[in-house]
Structures are given as C-alpha cells and as structure tokens.
Amino acid sequence: MVAVLVAASLLTKQILWTPISAINMQDIVTNQFKMTNASFVGTDKDGNPFKIYAKNGRKEYNKPDIIFLEKPSGSIVRMTDNKKITDKISANTGQFNLKTKQLDLNGHVRVDSSNGDKILTDEMVIQL
C-alpha cells in the first residue's frame, strides 16, 4: 500500500497529505460513541418500567456515564395513590446518566400523563 502511494506520487508529481492540524480532535473526543435511533429500556428504583428513545445519542470521553440525547421521547410508569400512571415524555435534547439513572430534559419538554395531567416546560429532571 505504501509502495503504491509512493509510486503514484512520483508519477503524478503530487502528494496528497492530510496534515495533523487538519484533523478535528474536538470532534473525535466529543463523538466517541454515536447511536442512531437509540433505545434504553429499564426499571426505576421502585421496579417500574421506563423506555427512552432518541433520534441520536452520543457519549464523550470525559463523561463516560452520560449519554447525550437528541429528540428524546419515551414513557415512564409510576405509582401514585396505588394507581399505575404512564407518563409520555418528549423534549428537544436530554442527558441520561447511566450510573444515577437521572434524565435531564431541555427545550420544549412535554409530559402527557394517562391520568390527564399535562406539563409543558423548558427543563425537567426525572430521577428514575
């Protein structure tokens, strides 16, 4: 492979190099792990199920327990007064902490509950 590159450069009199300074290290560090149509399913501390979906998800080297979410949505089941309530959630962006099971939602956060309650806000923190 190297011989072909050297021979080609001698024949064409042009060498195509990518200088190290042209590599965007910030992009490499920021996008260590990318997911498309990401899905997370689990149970909260009380054993109630939750499902979180996202258009895209990514992890960063310096924050290994955090998954950054684009267009997160999903459902969370909770018990209130011995009644099972399902909350449908959506937002523009979010962060899901795998270790603490904390979901931080930002931008046009919407919650529609099966009991008829509705929440519209800019930010919301959900401890699962």
Protein backbone atom coordinates (compact mmCIF):
# COMPACT_ATOMS: atom_id res chain seq x y z
CA MET A 1 0.00 0.00 0.00
CA VAL A 2 2.80 2.39 0.91
CA ALA A 3 4.66 1.47 -2.27
CA VAL A 4 1.59 2.31 -4.35
CA LEU A 5 1.28 5.72 -2.67
CA VAL A 6 4.96 6.48 -3.20
CA ALA A 7 4.86 5.31 -6.85
CA ALA A 8 1.69 7.29 -7.54
CA SER A 9 3.23 10.43 -6.09
CA LEU A 10 6.32 10.03 -8.27
CA LEU A 11 4.22 9.56 -11.40
CA THR A 12 1.83 12.44 -10.76
CA LYS A 13 4.34 14.73 -9.02
CA GLN A 14 1.66 15.39 -6.39
CA ILE A 15 1.50 14.08 -2.88
CA LEU A 16 -1.79 14.32 -1.05
CA TRP A 17 -1.20 14.65 2.66
CA THR A 18 -3.61 15.34 5.47
CA PRO A 19 -1.74 17.44 7.97
CA ILE A 20 -2.29 16.58 11.64
CA SER A 21 -3.58 20.13 12.20
CA ALA A 22 -6.48 19.41 9.80
CA ILE A 23 -7.82 16.59 11.99
CA ASN A 24 -10.57 17.86 14.25
CA MET A 25 -9.63 16.30 17.59
CA GLN A 26 -12.55 18.04 19.32
CA ASP A 27 -14.96 16.15 17.06
CA ILE A 28 -13.19 12.87 17.80
CA VAL A 29 -13.29 13.49 21.56
CA THR A 30 -16.88 14.76 21.51
CA ASN A 31 -18.24 11.91 19.44
CA GLN A 32 -16.57 8.88 20.97
CA PHE A 33 -19.64 6.72 20.57
CA LYS A 34 -22.64 7.60 18.37
CA MET A 35 -26.02 5.89 18.12
CA THR A 36 -28.88 6.42 15.71
CA ASN A 37 -32.43 5.58 16.81
CA ALA A 38 -31.14 4.85 20.31
CA SER A 39 -33.35 2.97 22.75
CA PHE A 40 -32.94 2.45 26.51
CA VAL A 41 -35.26 0.19 28.49
CA GLY A 42 -35.07 -0.49 32.20
CA THR A 43 -36.72 -0.21 35.57
CA ASP A 44 -36.59 2.62 38.06
CA LYS A 45 -35.62 2.30 41.73
CA ASP A 46 -39.18 1.11 42.54
CA GLY A 47 -39.20 -1.54 39.81
CA ASN A 48 -41.45 0.43 37.42
CA PRO A 49 -40.56 0.16 33.72
CA PHE A 50 -39.29 3.02 31.58
CA LYS A 51 -38.44 3.35 27.89
CA ILE A 52 -36.36 6.16 26.42
CA TYR A 53 -35.84 6.66 22.70
CA ALA A 54 -33.74 9.26 20.90
CA LYS A 55 -33.16 10.23 17.30
CA ASN A 56 -29.43 10.26 18.06
CA GLY A 57 -27.31 9.56 21.11
CA ARG A 58 -23.62 10.00 21.81
CA LYS A 59 -21.08 9.58 24.57
CA GLU A 60 -18.00 11.66 25.32
CA TYR A 61 -14.61 10.51 26.62
CA ASN A 62 -14.64 12.88 29.59
CA LYS A 63 -18.21 11.94 30.64
CA PRO A 64 -18.45 8.14 30.25
CA ASP A 65 -21.65 7.76 32.32
CA ILE A 66 -23.63 10.37 30.34
CA ILE A 67 -25.49 9.73 27.09
CA PHE A 68 -26.37 12.94 25.26
CA LEU A 69 -29.74 12.63 23.53
CA GLU A 70 -31.24 14.41 20.53
CA LYS A 71 -35.06 14.45 20.35
CA PRO A 72 -35.61 12.12 23.32
CA SER A 73 -39.06 10.65 23.93
CA GLY A 74 -40.45 7.74 25.83
CA SER A 75 -42.66 6.50 28.60
CA ILE A 76 -42.29 6.19 32.34
CA VAL A 77 -44.61 4.21 34.58
CA ARG A 78 -45.14 5.37 38.16
CA MET A 79 -47.44 4.55 41.03
CA THR A 80 -49.49 7.32 42.66
CA ASP A 81 -52.15 6.51 45.29
CA ASN A 82 -51.87 2.82 44.34
CA LYS A 83 -52.71 3.66 40.70
CA LYS A 84 -50.40 2.98 37.78
CA ILE A 85 -49.83 6.14 35.72
CA THR A 86 -47.94 6.21 32.44
CA ASP A 87 -46.19 9.45 31.50
CA LYS A 88 -45.32 10.04 27.83
CA ILE A 89 -42.35 12.40 27.61
CA SER A 90 -40.58 14.31 24.84
CA ALA A 91 -38.01 17.11 24.54
CA ASN A 92 -35.53 18.69 22.15
CA THR A 93 -32.43 17.41 23.96
CA GLY A 94 -31.55 15.41 27.01
CA GLN A 95 -28.86 13.72 29.03
CA PHE A 96 -29.23 10.29 30.58
CA ASN A 97 -26.85 9.37 33.39
CA LEU A 98 -26.38 5.60 33.26
CA LYS A 99 -24.97 5.42 36.79
CA THR A 100 -27.57 7.53 38.65
CA LYS A 101 -30.47 6.90 36.21
CA GLN A 102 -31.15 10.63 36.09
CA LEU A 103 -32.76 12.01 32.94
CA ASP A 104 -32.27 15.73 32.29
CA LEU A 105 -34.57 17.10 29.58
CA ASN A 106 -34.25 20.50 27.88
CA GLY A 107 -36.18 22.51 25.31
CA HIS A 108 -39.93 22.15 24.77
CA VAL A 109 -40.28 19.44 27.39
CA ARG A 110 -43.73 17.85 27.26
CA VAL A 111 -45.28 15.30 29.61
CA ASP A 112 -48.71 13.79 28.94
CA SER A 113 -49.94 11.54 31.75
CA SER A 114 -52.51 8.79 31.48
CA ASN A 115 -54.44 10.46 34.33
CA GLY A 116 -54.95 13.58 32.17
CA ASP A 117 -52.16 15.75 33.64
CA LYS A 118 -50.02 17.70 31.17
CA ILE A 119 -46.75 19.53 31.72
CA LEU A 120 -45.06 21.93 29.29
CA THR A 121 -41.74 23.41 30.42
CA ASP A 122 -38.23 24.31 29.25
CA GLU A 123 -36.40 21.98 31.63
CA MET A 124 -37.14 18.89 33.67
CA VAL A 125 -35.12 16.44 35.77
CA ILE A 126 -36.52 12.94 36.22
CA GLN A 127 -34.95 10.54 38.71
CA LEU A 128 -35.67 7.02 37.52
